[in-house]
Amino acid sequence: MISAVVLAAGASTRMGSQKLLLPLAGEPLVRRTVRAVSSAGFDEVLVVVGFEHEKVEAALEGLGARIAVNPDYGTGMGSSFRTAVGALPDESEAAMFALADQPLVTAADYRRLLEAWRAKREGIVRVSYGEVTAPPHLFAREFFPELAALEHGARPVLRRHADRTIVLPFAPELLLDIDTPEDYERASALLSTGR
């Protein structure tokens, strides 16, 4: 079994309101992301929620994703990795970790990680957008304990295991995560042109 995790617990402090509920191309941002991940062919999708989790869960109704609530979401992304690792089934041999606020990454993009993993079935598949390393990334089960020990993002695990990593190039223009009102305006404009 290969799982997909969508990290959707953050407090949206730079946005000033729950960014994951903002409408993009006719649906809430979080629903757009989870729908794309759910269409990519993973065996299960787990969404880690925290801030205003009831509203986020309501926005995901009908998509069939499992939900895990991170009560410690205010302490940083590491707590969401811990929540996810604790909620993944024993039979999960690997998991992709995606961010809920990357609206330009498509189901086809997520599927590329899954296919790269299936070709080798070990180690890590990480994504680079030009010179920038950013999620999603896919990790074999052996790395789950290291992910659960993180304080913030997965960069330390990626650094430690560069020799066990497949690097998947994504188009640099896909690298947009929505943190501020300006990011949201930019994503809305891009998606209105049919991206």
N, C-alpha and C. Protein backbone atom coordinates (compact mmCIF):
# COMPACT_ATOMS: atom_id res chain seq x y z
N MET A 1 0.84 -1.20 0.00
CA MET A 1 0.00 0.00 0.00
C MET A 1 0.88 1.25 0.00
N ILE A 2 0.54 2.18 -0.87
CA ILE A 2 1.25 3.45 -0.90
C ILE A 2 0.24 4.55 -0.55
N SER A 3 0.56 5.29 0.50
CA SER A 3 -0.35 6.31 1.02
C SER A 3 0.02 7.68 0.48
N ALA A 4 -0.94 8.59 0.53
CA ALA A 4 -0.68 10.00 0.27
C ALA A 4 -1.18 10.79 1.48
N VAL A 5 -0.37 11.71 1.94
CA VAL A 5 -0.72 12.56 3.08
C VAL A 5 -0.80 14.00 2.59
N VAL A 6 -1.87 14.69 2.93
CA VAL A 6 -1.99 16.12 2.66
C VAL A 6 -1.93 16.85 3.99
N LEU A 7 -0.91 17.70 4.15
CA LEU A 7 -0.75 18.47 5.39
C LEU A 7 -1.60 19.73 5.30
N ALA A 8 -2.62 19.82 6.15
CA ALA A 8 -3.61 20.89 6.07
C ALA A 8 -3.98 21.41 7.45
N ALA A 9 -2.97 21.52 8.33
CA ALA A 9 -3.28 21.84 9.73
C ALA A 9 -2.92 23.27 10.13
N GLY A 10 -2.14 23.98 9.33
CA GLY A 10 -1.58 25.26 9.74
C GLY A 10 -2.61 26.33 10.05
N ALA A 11 -2.14 27.36 10.77
CA ALA A 11 -3.05 28.39 11.29
C ALA A 11 -3.25 29.58 10.35
N SER A 12 -2.64 29.55 9.15
CA SER A 12 -2.86 30.62 8.15
C SER A 12 -2.57 32.00 8.71
N THR A 13 -1.52 32.13 9.54
CA THR A 13 -1.28 33.40 10.22
C THR A 13 -0.98 34.54 9.26
N ARG A 14 -0.24 34.26 8.19
CA ARG A 14 0.11 35.34 7.26
C ARG A 14 -1.07 35.76 6.39
N MET A 15 -2.06 34.88 6.25
CA MET A 15 -3.24 35.22 5.46
C MET A 15 -4.23 36.05 6.28
N GLY A 16 -4.31 35.75 7.58
CA GLY A 16 -5.26 36.47 8.43
C GLY A 16 -6.60 35.79 8.55
N SER A 17 -6.82 34.74 7.75
CA SER A 17 -8.04 33.93 7.85
C SER A 17 -7.69 32.53 7.35
N GLN A 18 -8.62 31.59 7.46
CA GLN A 18 -8.35 30.20 7.06
C GLN A 18 -8.18 30.13 5.54
N LYS A 19 -6.94 30.11 5.10
CA LYS A 19 -6.65 30.16 3.66
C LYS A 19 -7.16 28.94 2.91
N LEU A 20 -7.23 27.80 3.60
CA LEU A 20 -7.60 26.57 2.90
C LEU A 20 -9.05 26.55 2.45
N LEU A 21 -9.85 27.49 2.98
CA LEU A 21 -11.26 27.57 2.57
C LEU A 21 -11.49 28.61 1.48
N LEU A 22 -10.43 29.33 1.10
CA LEU A 22 -10.58 30.35 0.05
C LEU A 22 -10.95 29.68 -1.27
N PRO A 23 -11.88 30.28 -2.02
CA PRO A 23 -12.28 29.65 -3.29
C PRO A 23 -11.24 29.85 -4.38
N LEU A 24 -10.95 28.77 -5.08
CA LEU A 24 -10.06 28.81 -6.25
C LEU A 24 -10.71 28.00 -7.37
N ALA A 25 -10.96 28.65 -8.48
CA ALA A 25 -11.59 27.98 -9.62
C ALA A 25 -12.85 27.23 -9.18
N GLY A 26 -13.63 27.86 -8.29
CA GLY A 26 -14.94 27.33 -7.95
C GLY A 26 -15.00 26.35 -6.79
N GLU A 27 -13.87 26.10 -6.11
CA GLU A 27 -13.91 25.20 -4.95
C GLU A 27 -12.88 25.64 -3.93
N PRO A 28 -13.06 25.26 -2.65
CA PRO A 28 -12.08 25.65 -1.64
C PRO A 28 -10.69 25.10 -1.98
N LEU A 29 -9.67 25.87 -1.66
CA LEU A 29 -8.28 25.48 -1.94
C LEU A 29 -7.98 24.07 -1.45
N VAL A 30 -8.37 23.74 -0.22
CA VAL A 30 -8.04 22.42 0.32
C VAL A 30 -8.74 21.31 -0.46
N ARG A 31 -9.96 21.56 -0.90
CA ARG A 31 -10.67 20.54 -1.67
C ARG A 31 -10.00 20.32 -3.03
N ARG A 32 -9.54 21.41 -3.65
CA ARG A 32 -8.85 21.31 -4.93
C ARG A 32 -7.62 20.41 -4.80
N THR A 33 -6.83 20.65 -3.74
CA THR A 33 -5.60 19.88 -3.55
C THR A 33 -5.91 18.42 -3.25
N VAL A 34 -6.82 18.17 -2.33
CA VAL A 34 -7.13 16.79 -1.95
C VAL A 34 -7.77 16.05 -3.12
N ARG A 35 -8.56 16.72 -3.91
CA ARG A 35 -9.16 16.08 -5.10
C ARG A 35 -8.06 15.67 -6.09
N ALA A 36 -7.07 16.55 -6.29
CA ALA A 36 -5.97 16.22 -7.20
C ALA A 36 -5.18 15.02 -6.69
N VAL A 37 -4.86 15.04 -5.39
CA VAL A 37 -4.10 13.92 -4.80
C VAL A 37 -4.92 12.63 -4.90
N SER A 38 -6.21 12.73 -4.64
CA SER A 38 -7.08 11.55 -4.67
C SER A 38 -7.20 10.96 -6.07
N SER A 39 -6.97 11.77 -7.08
CA SER A 39 -7.08 11.31 -8.48
C SER A 39 -5.77 10.74 -9.02
N ALA A 40 -4.72 10.74 -8.19
CA ALA A 40 -3.39 10.38 -8.68
C ALA A 40 -3.08 8.89 -8.62
N GLY A 41 -3.93 8.11 -7.95
CA GLY A 41 -3.73 6.66 -7.95
C GLY A 41 -3.16 6.06 -6.69
N PHE A 42 -3.04 6.83 -5.63
CA PHE A 42 -2.56 6.29 -4.35
C PHE A 42 -3.61 5.36 -3.75
N ASP A 43 -3.16 4.48 -2.87
CA ASP A 43 -4.09 3.51 -2.28
C ASP A 43 -4.98 4.13 -1.22
N GLU A 44 -4.53 5.19 -0.62
CA GLU A 44 -5.36 5.91 0.36
C GLU A 44 -4.85 7.33 0.46
N VAL A 45 -5.72 8.22 0.91
CA VAL A 45 -5.35 9.62 1.14
C VAL A 45 -5.72 9.97 2.57
N LEU A 46 -4.73 10.51 3.29
CA LEU A 46 -4.90 10.94 4.67
C LEU A 46 -4.68 12.44 4.73
N VAL A 47 -5.62 13.16 5.30
CA VAL A 47 -5.49 14.62 5.44
C VAL A 47 -5.30 14.95 6.91
N VAL A 48 -4.20 15.63 7.21
CA VAL A 48 -3.93 16.07 8.59
C VAL A 48 -4.47 17.48 8.75
N VAL A 49 -5.44 17.65 9.63
CA VAL A 49 -6.08 18.94 9.84
C VAL A 49 -5.78 19.42 11.26
N GLY A 50 -5.97 20.72 11.48
CA GLY A 50 -5.73 21.28 12.80
C GLY A 50 -6.55 22.53 13.01
N PHE A 51 -6.05 23.67 12.54
CA PHE A 51 -6.73 24.95 12.68
C PHE A 51 -8.10 24.89 12.00
N GLU A 52 -9.15 25.26 12.75
CA GLU A 52 -10.53 25.25 12.25
C GLU A 52 -10.85 23.93 11.54
N HIS A 53 -10.46 22.83 12.18
CA HIS A 53 -10.52 21.55 11.47
C HIS A 53 -11.93 21.13 11.08
N GLU A 54 -12.95 21.55 11.86
CA GLU A 54 -14.32 21.16 11.48
C GLU A 54 -14.69 21.76 10.13
N LYS A 55 -14.30 23.01 9.90
CA LYS A 55 -14.62 23.67 8.62
C LYS A 55 -13.86 23.03 7.47
N VAL A 56 -12.59 22.69 7.73
CA VAL A 56 -11.79 22.05 6.69
C VAL A 56 -12.36 20.67 6.36
N GLU A 57 -12.72 19.93 7.39
CA GLU A 57 -13.32 18.61 7.15
C GLU A 57 -14.61 18.74 6.33
N ALA A 58 -15.42 19.74 6.65
CA ALA A 58 -16.67 19.93 5.91
C ALA A 58 -16.39 20.22 4.44
N ALA A 59 -15.31 20.94 4.16
CA ALA A 59 -14.96 21.27 2.77
C ALA A 59 -14.51 20.04 1.99
N LEU A 60 -14.14 18.98 2.71
CA LEU A 60 -13.63 17.76 2.05
C LEU A 60 -14.69 16.66 1.93
N GLU A 61 -15.89 16.98 2.36
CA GLU A 61 -16.95 15.97 2.38
C GLU A 61 -17.13 15.33 1.00
N GLY A 62 -17.24 14.00 0.99
CA GLY A 62 -17.51 13.27 -0.25
C GLY A 62 -16.28 12.86 -1.03
N LEU A 63 -15.09 13.29 -0.62
CA LEU A 63 -13.88 12.94 -1.37
C LEU A 63 -13.28 11.60 -0.95
N GLY A 64 -13.71 11.06 0.18
CA GLY A 64 -13.25 9.74 0.59
C GLY A 64 -11.89 9.72 1.28
N ALA A 65 -11.36 10.88 1.62
CA ALA A 65 -10.08 10.91 2.32
C ALA A 65 -10.30 10.64 3.81
N ARG A 66 -9.31 9.99 4.43
CA ARG A 66 -9.33 9.84 5.88
C ARG A 66 -8.81 11.12 6.52
N ILE A 67 -9.28 11.41 7.72
CA ILE A 67 -8.90 12.63 8.43
C ILE A 67 -8.16 12.26 9.71
N ALA A 68 -7.06 12.98 9.98
CA ALA A 68 -6.39 12.88 11.28
C ALA A 68 -6.26 14.29 11.83
N VAL A 69 -6.70 14.49 13.07
CA VAL A 69 -6.66 15.83 13.67
C VAL A 69 -5.36 15.98 14.46
N ASN A 70 -4.63 17.04 14.16
CA ASN A 70 -3.40 17.38 14.89
C ASN A 70 -3.73 18.45 15.93
N PRO A 71 -3.83 18.07 17.21
CA PRO A 71 -4.18 19.07 18.23
C PRO A 71 -3.04 20.03 18.53
N ASP A 72 -1.82 19.68 18.11
CA ASP A 72 -0.63 20.51 18.40
C ASP A 72 -0.18 21.32 17.19
N TYR A 73 -1.11 21.61 16.26
CA TYR A 73 -0.73 22.25 15.00
C TYR A 73 0.01 23.58 15.20
N GLY A 74 -0.22 24.24 16.32
CA GLY A 74 0.42 25.53 16.57
C GLY A 74 1.91 25.44 16.84
N THR A 75 2.43 24.23 17.03
CA THR A 75 3.84 24.07 17.36
C THR A 75 4.72 23.89 16.13
N GLY A 76 4.13 23.85 14.95
CA GLY A 76 4.93 23.72 13.74
C GLY A 76 4.60 22.46 12.95
N MET A 77 5.19 22.38 11.75
CA MET A 77 4.86 21.31 10.82
C MET A 77 5.28 19.93 11.34
N GLY A 78 6.29 19.90 12.20
CA GLY A 78 6.72 18.62 12.75
C GLY A 78 5.59 17.86 13.42
N SER A 79 4.71 18.60 14.09
CA SER A 79 3.59 17.94 14.77
C SER A 79 2.65 17.28 13.77
N SER A 80 2.53 17.85 12.58
CA SER A 80 1.68 17.23 11.55
C SER A 80 2.33 15.98 10.97
N PHE A 81 3.65 15.99 10.83
CA PHE A 81 4.33 14.75 10.42
C PHE A 81 4.10 13.65 11.46
N ARG A 82 4.21 14.01 12.74
CA ARG A 82 3.97 13.02 13.80
C ARG A 82 2.55 12.48 13.74
N THR A 83 1.58 13.38 13.58
CA THR A 83 0.18 12.96 13.50
C THR A 83 -0.02 12.02 12.32
N ALA A 84 0.57 12.37 11.17
CA ALA A 84 0.41 11.54 9.97
C ALA A 84 1.03 10.17 10.16
N VAL A 85 2.27 10.14 10.64
CA VAL A 85 2.96 8.85 10.81
C VAL A 85 2.18 7.96 11.78
N GLY A 86 1.63 8.57 12.82
CA GLY A 86 0.84 7.81 13.78
C GLY A 86 -0.46 7.27 13.22
N ALA A 87 -0.95 7.90 12.17
CA ALA A 87 -2.25 7.52 11.59
C ALA A 87 -2.12 6.64 10.35
N LEU A 88 -0.90 6.50 9.81
CA LEU A 88 -0.73 5.67 8.61
C LEU A 88 -0.87 4.20 8.97
N PRO A 89 -1.49 3.41 8.11
CA PRO A 89 -1.68 1.99 8.42
C PRO A 89 -0.36 1.22 8.40
N ASP A 90 -0.31 0.11 9.14
CA ASP A 90 0.90 -0.72 9.21
C ASP A 90 1.33 -1.22 7.84
N GLU A 91 0.37 -1.44 6.95
CA GLU A 91 0.70 -1.99 5.64
C GLU A 91 1.18 -0.94 4.64
N SER A 92 1.25 0.31 5.07
CA SER A 92 1.72 1.37 4.17
C SER A 92 3.24 1.26 4.02
N GLU A 93 3.68 0.95 2.80
CA GLU A 93 5.12 0.77 2.56
C GLU A 93 5.81 2.08 2.23
N ALA A 94 5.04 3.10 1.91
CA ALA A 94 5.60 4.42 1.59
C ALA A 94 4.48 5.44 1.65
N ALA A 95 4.87 6.71 1.78
CA ALA A 95 3.86 7.77 1.82
C ALA A 95 4.40 9.03 1.16
N MET A 96 3.56 9.64 0.36
CA MET A 96 3.86 10.96 -0.20
C MET A 96 3.29 12.00 0.74
N PHE A 97 4.06 13.05 0.98
CA PHE A 97 3.60 14.17 1.80
C PHE A 97 3.47 15.40 0.92
N ALA A 98 2.26 15.93 0.82
CA ALA A 98 1.96 17.11 0.01
C ALA A 98 1.42 18.21 0.91
N LEU A 99 1.52 19.44 0.42
CA LEU A 99 0.98 20.59 1.14
C LEU A 99 -0.38 20.97 0.57
N ALA A 100 -1.30 21.32 1.44
CA ALA A 100 -2.66 21.64 0.99
C ALA A 100 -2.75 22.96 0.24
N ASP A 101 -1.68 23.78 0.33
CA ASP A 101 -1.79 25.13 -0.24
C ASP A 101 -0.96 25.30 -1.51
N GLN A 102 -0.75 24.21 -2.27
CA GLN A 102 -0.04 24.29 -3.55
C GLN A 102 -1.03 24.02 -4.69
N PRO A 103 -1.78 25.01 -5.13
CA PRO A 103 -2.90 24.76 -6.04
C PRO A 103 -2.50 24.46 -7.47
N LEU A 104 -1.25 24.70 -7.86
CA LEU A 104 -0.88 24.50 -9.26
C LEU A 104 -0.37 23.08 -9.54
N VAL A 105 -0.09 22.32 -8.50
CA VAL A 105 0.35 20.94 -8.68
C VAL A 105 -0.90 20.09 -8.99
N THR A 106 -0.83 19.31 -10.06
CA THR A 106 -2.00 18.59 -10.56
C THR A 106 -1.95 17.11 -10.21
N ALA A 107 -3.05 16.42 -10.46
CA ALA A 107 -3.10 14.96 -10.26
C ALA A 107 -1.99 14.28 -11.06
N ALA A 108 -1.75 14.74 -12.28
CA ALA A 108 -0.69 14.14 -13.12
C ALA A 108 0.68 14.32 -12.47
N ASP A 109 0.90 15.47 -11.85
CA ASP A 109 2.18 15.71 -11.16
C ASP A 109 2.36 14.76 -9.98
N TYR A 110 1.31 14.63 -9.17
CA TYR A 110 1.38 13.71 -8.03
C TYR A 110 1.60 12.27 -8.52
N ARG A 111 0.96 11.93 -9.64
CA ARG A 111 1.10 10.57 -10.19
C ARG A 111 2.55 10.30 -10.60
N ARG A 112 3.27 11.33 -11.03
CA ARG A 112 4.68 11.15 -11.41
C ARG A 112 5.51 10.67 -10.22
N LEU A 113 5.24 11.18 -9.02
CA LEU A 113 5.94 10.70 -7.83
C LEU A 113 5.63 9.22 -7.58
N LEU A 114 4.35 8.90 -7.68
CA LEU A 114 3.93 7.52 -7.44
C LEU A 114 4.60 6.57 -8.43
N GLU A 115 4.65 6.96 -9.69
CA GLU A 115 5.26 6.10 -10.71
C GLU A 115 6.77 5.99 -10.51
N ALA A 116 7.42 7.09 -10.11
CA ALA A 116 8.86 7.05 -9.84
C ALA A 116 9.15 6.11 -8.68
N TRP A 117 8.31 6.15 -7.64
CA TRP A 117 8.48 5.24 -6.50
C TRP A 117 8.30 3.79 -6.95
N ARG A 118 7.23 3.53 -7.70
CA ARG A 118 6.92 2.15 -8.11
C ARG A 118 8.04 1.56 -8.97
N ALA A 119 8.76 2.40 -9.70
CA ALA A 119 9.85 1.91 -10.55
C ALA A 119 11.02 1.39 -9.72
N LYS A 120 11.17 1.89 -8.49
CA LYS A 120 12.33 1.53 -7.67
C LYS A 120 11.95 0.90 -6.33
N ARG A 121 10.87 1.34 -5.76
CA ARG A 121 10.30 0.83 -4.51
C ARG A 121 11.26 0.90 -3.33
N GLU A 122 12.02 1.96 -3.25
CA GLU A 122 12.85 2.18 -2.06
C GLU A 122 13.28 3.63 -2.01
N GLY A 123 13.77 4.04 -0.83
CA GLY A 123 14.34 5.38 -0.69
C GLY A 123 13.30 6.49 -0.70
N ILE A 124 13.70 7.59 -1.33
CA ILE A 124 12.91 8.82 -1.31
C ILE A 124 12.78 9.34 -2.74
N VAL A 125 11.61 9.88 -3.05
CA VAL A 125 11.44 10.65 -4.29
C VAL A 125 11.17 12.08 -3.86
N ARG A 126 12.09 12.99 -4.24
CA ARG A 126 11.88 14.39 -3.89
C ARG A 126 11.71 15.22 -5.15
N VAL A 127 11.04 16.36 -5.00
CA VAL A 127 10.74 17.22 -6.13
C VAL A 127 11.62 18.45 -6.09
N SER A 128 12.12 18.84 -7.26
CA SER A 128 12.83 20.12 -7.37
C SER A 128 12.14 20.96 -8.44
N TYR A 129 11.94 22.22 -8.11
CA TYR A 129 11.36 23.20 -9.03
C TYR A 129 12.53 24.09 -9.46
N GLY A 130 13.19 23.73 -10.53
CA GLY A 130 14.42 24.44 -10.86
C GLY A 130 15.44 24.18 -9.77
N GLU A 131 15.91 25.25 -9.12
CA GLU A 131 16.91 25.13 -8.06
C GLU A 131 16.30 24.90 -6.68
N VAL A 132 14.98 24.94 -6.59
CA VAL A 132 14.31 24.91 -5.29
C VAL A 132 13.75 23.52 -5.00
N THR A 133 14.08 22.98 -3.84
CA THR A 133 13.49 21.72 -3.37
C THR A 133 12.26 22.06 -2.53
N ALA A 134 11.13 21.48 -2.87
CA ALA A 134 9.89 21.74 -2.13
C ALA A 134 8.95 20.56 -2.33
N PRO A 135 7.97 20.40 -1.43
CA PRO A 135 7.02 19.30 -1.56
C PRO A 135 6.24 19.39 -2.87
N PRO A 136 5.63 18.23 -3.22
CA PRO A 136 5.54 16.98 -2.48
C PRO A 136 6.82 16.14 -2.55
N HIS A 137 6.98 15.27 -1.53
CA HIS A 137 8.05 14.28 -1.51
C HIS A 137 7.45 12.95 -1.07
N LEU A 138 8.08 11.85 -1.49
CA LEU A 138 7.58 10.52 -1.15
C LEU A 138 8.68 9.74 -0.43
N PHE A 139 8.33 9.15 0.70
CA PHE A 139 9.31 8.48 1.58
C PHE A 139 8.93 7.02 1.80
N ALA A 140 9.93 6.15 1.75
CA ALA A 140 9.73 4.76 2.15
C ALA A 140 9.45 4.70 3.64
N ARG A 141 8.80 3.63 4.06
CA ARG A 141 8.40 3.47 5.46
C ARG A 141 9.59 3.58 6.43
N GLU A 142 10.78 3.15 6.00
CA GLU A 142 11.94 3.18 6.90
C GLU A 142 12.26 4.59 7.38
N PHE A 143 11.78 5.62 6.66
CA PHE A 143 12.05 6.99 7.06
C PHE A 143 10.94 7.59 7.94
N PHE A 144 9.87 6.86 8.16
CA PHE A 144 8.76 7.39 8.95
C PHE A 144 9.21 7.83 10.35
N PRO A 145 10.06 7.05 11.06
CA PRO A 145 10.48 7.50 12.39
C PRO A 145 11.23 8.83 12.36
N GLU A 146 12.04 9.05 11.33
CA GLU A 146 12.75 10.33 11.20
C GLU A 146 11.78 11.47 10.92
N LEU A 147 10.77 11.20 10.10
CA LEU A 147 9.76 12.23 9.82
C LEU A 147 9.00 12.59 11.10
N ALA A 148 8.72 11.58 11.91
CA ALA A 148 7.96 11.81 13.15
C ALA A 148 8.77 12.59 14.18
N ALA A 149 10.09 12.66 14.00
CA ALA A 149 10.95 13.38 14.94
C ALA A 149 11.23 14.82 14.51
N LEU A 150 10.68 15.23 13.36
CA LEU A 150 10.96 16.57 12.84
C LEU A 150 10.33 17.66 13.69
N GLU A 151 10.98 18.84 13.69
CA GLU A 151 10.37 20.03 14.28
C GLU A 151 9.58 20.81 13.24
N HIS A 152 10.14 20.88 12.04
CA HIS A 152 9.50 21.68 10.97
C HIS A 152 9.37 20.83 9.71
N GLY A 153 9.91 21.29 8.60
CA GLY A 153 9.78 20.57 7.34
C GLY A 153 10.75 19.40 7.22
N ALA A 154 10.67 18.71 6.08
CA ALA A 154 11.40 17.45 5.88
C ALA A 154 12.83 17.64 5.38
N ARG A 155 13.27 18.87 5.22
CA ARG A 155 14.59 19.13 4.65
C ARG A 155 15.72 18.34 5.34
N PRO A 156 15.76 18.24 6.70
CA PRO A 156 16.85 17.46 7.33
C PRO A 156 16.88 16.01 6.88
N VAL A 157 15.72 15.40 6.70
CA VAL A 157 15.67 14.00 6.25
C VAL A 157 16.16 13.90 4.81
N LEU A 158 15.76 14.84 3.98
CA LEU A 158 16.21 14.85 2.58
C LEU A 158 17.73 15.01 2.51
N ARG A 159 18.28 15.90 3.35
CA ARG A 159 19.73 16.12 3.34
C ARG A 159 20.49 14.87 3.77
N ARG A 160 20.00 14.24 4.84
CA ARG A 160 20.70 13.06 5.38
C ARG A 160 20.74 11.91 4.40
N HIS A 161 19.75 11.82 3.54
CA HIS A 161 19.61 10.63 2.69
C HIS A 161 19.65 10.99 1.20
N ALA A 162 20.46 11.97 0.86
CA ALA A 162 20.58 12.37 -0.55
C ALA A 162 21.00 11.20 -1.44
N ASP A 163 21.79 10.29 -0.87
CA ASP A 163 22.28 9.14 -1.65
C ASP A 163 21.19 8.09 -1.89
N ARG A 164 20.05 8.23 -1.24
CA ARG A 164 18.93 7.29 -1.40
C ARG A 164 17.76 7.93 -2.11
N THR A 165 18.03 9.04 -2.82
CA THR A 165 16.94 9.89 -3.31
C THR A 165 16.91 9.96 -4.84
N ILE A 166 15.71 9.83 -5.38
CA ILE A 166 15.45 10.15 -6.78
C ILE A 166 14.95 11.59 -6.82
N VAL A 167 15.52 12.41 -7.68
CA VAL A 167 15.08 13.80 -7.81
C VAL A 167 14.20 13.92 -9.05
N LEU A 168 12.98 14.41 -8.84
CA LEU A 168 12.02 14.55 -9.91
C LEU A 168 11.88 16.03 -10.25
N PRO A 169 12.24 16.45 -11.46
CA PRO A 169 12.11 17.87 -11.79
C PRO A 169 10.67 18.24 -12.13
N PHE A 170 10.17 19.28 -11.47
CA PHE A 170 8.88 19.88 -11.79
C PHE A 170 9.14 21.25 -12.40
N ALA A 171 8.20 21.73 -13.20
CA ALA A 171 8.33 23.06 -13.79
C ALA A 171 8.37 24.12 -12.69
N PRO A 172 9.33 25.05 -12.73
CA PRO A 172 9.44 26.05 -11.67
C PRO A 172 8.15 26.85 -11.43
N GLU A 173 7.36 27.03 -12.49
CA GLU A 173 6.13 27.84 -12.33
C GLU A 173 5.07 27.13 -11.48
N LEU A 174 5.24 25.85 -11.22
CA LEU A 174 4.30 25.15 -10.34
C LEU A 174 4.52 25.49 -8.87
N LEU A 175 5.66 26.09 -8.57
CA LEU A 175 6.02 26.36 -7.17
C LEU A 175 5.31 27.62 -6.69
N LEU A 176 4.11 27.44 -6.23
CA LEU A 176 3.35 28.54 -5.63
C LEU A 176 2.56 27.96 -4.47
N ASP A 177 2.93 28.37 -3.27
CA ASP A 177 2.09 28.00 -2.14
C ASP A 177 1.47 29.28 -1.60
N ILE A 178 0.23 29.15 -1.18
CA ILE A 178 -0.56 30.33 -0.82
C ILE A 178 -0.40 30.61 0.67
N ASP A 179 0.34 31.67 0.97
CA ASP A 179 0.56 32.09 2.36
C ASP A 179 -0.01 33.48 2.64
N THR A 180 -0.05 34.33 1.62
CA THR A 180 -0.45 35.73 1.80
C THR A 180 -1.58 36.08 0.84
N PRO A 181 -2.27 37.20 1.08
CA PRO A 181 -3.30 37.64 0.12
C PRO A 181 -2.74 37.82 -1.29
N GLU A 182 -1.47 38.25 -1.39
CA GLU A 182 -0.85 38.43 -2.71
C GLU A 182 -0.69 37.09 -3.43
N ASP A 183 -0.29 36.05 -2.68
CA ASP A 183 -0.18 34.71 -3.26
C ASP A 183 -1.54 34.25 -3.79
N TYR A 184 -2.57 34.52 -2.99
CA TYR A 184 -3.92 34.09 -3.39
C TYR A 184 -4.37 34.79 -4.67
N GLU A 185 -4.09 36.10 -4.73
CA GLU A 185 -4.46 36.85 -5.94
C GLU A 185 -3.73 36.30 -7.17
N ARG A 186 -2.46 35.95 -6.98
CA ARG A 186 -1.67 35.43 -8.10
C ARG A 186 -2.21 34.07 -8.55
N ALA A 187 -2.53 33.21 -7.59
CA ALA A 187 -3.08 31.89 -7.93
C ALA A 187 -4.43 32.02 -8.62
N SER A 188 -5.27 32.93 -8.13
CA SER A 188 -6.60 33.15 -8.73
C SER A 188 -6.44 33.60 -10.17
N ALA A 189 -5.50 34.51 -10.40
CA ALA A 189 -5.28 35.02 -11.76
C ALA A 189 -4.78 33.91 -12.69
N LEU A 190 -3.84 33.11 -12.20
CA LEU A 190 -3.30 32.01 -13.02
C LEU A 190 -4.38 30.98 -13.35
N LEU A 191 -5.20 30.64 -12.36
CA LEU A 191 -6.21 29.61 -12.57
C LEU A 191 -7.36 30.12 -13.43
N SER A 192 -7.58 31.43 -13.40
CA SER A 192 -8.66 31.99 -14.25
C SER A 192 -8.26 31.96 -15.72
N THR A 193 -6.96 31.80 -16.00
CA THR A 193 -6.51 31.72 -17.39
C THR A 193 -6.45 30.26 -17.87
N GLY A 194 -6.96 29.35 -17.02
CA GLY A 194 -7.10 27.96 -17.46
C GLY A 194 -5.98 27.04 -17.06
N ARG A 195 -5.15 27.45 -16.11
CA ARG A 195 -4.05 26.57 -15.68
C ARG A 195 -4.62 25.29 -15.07
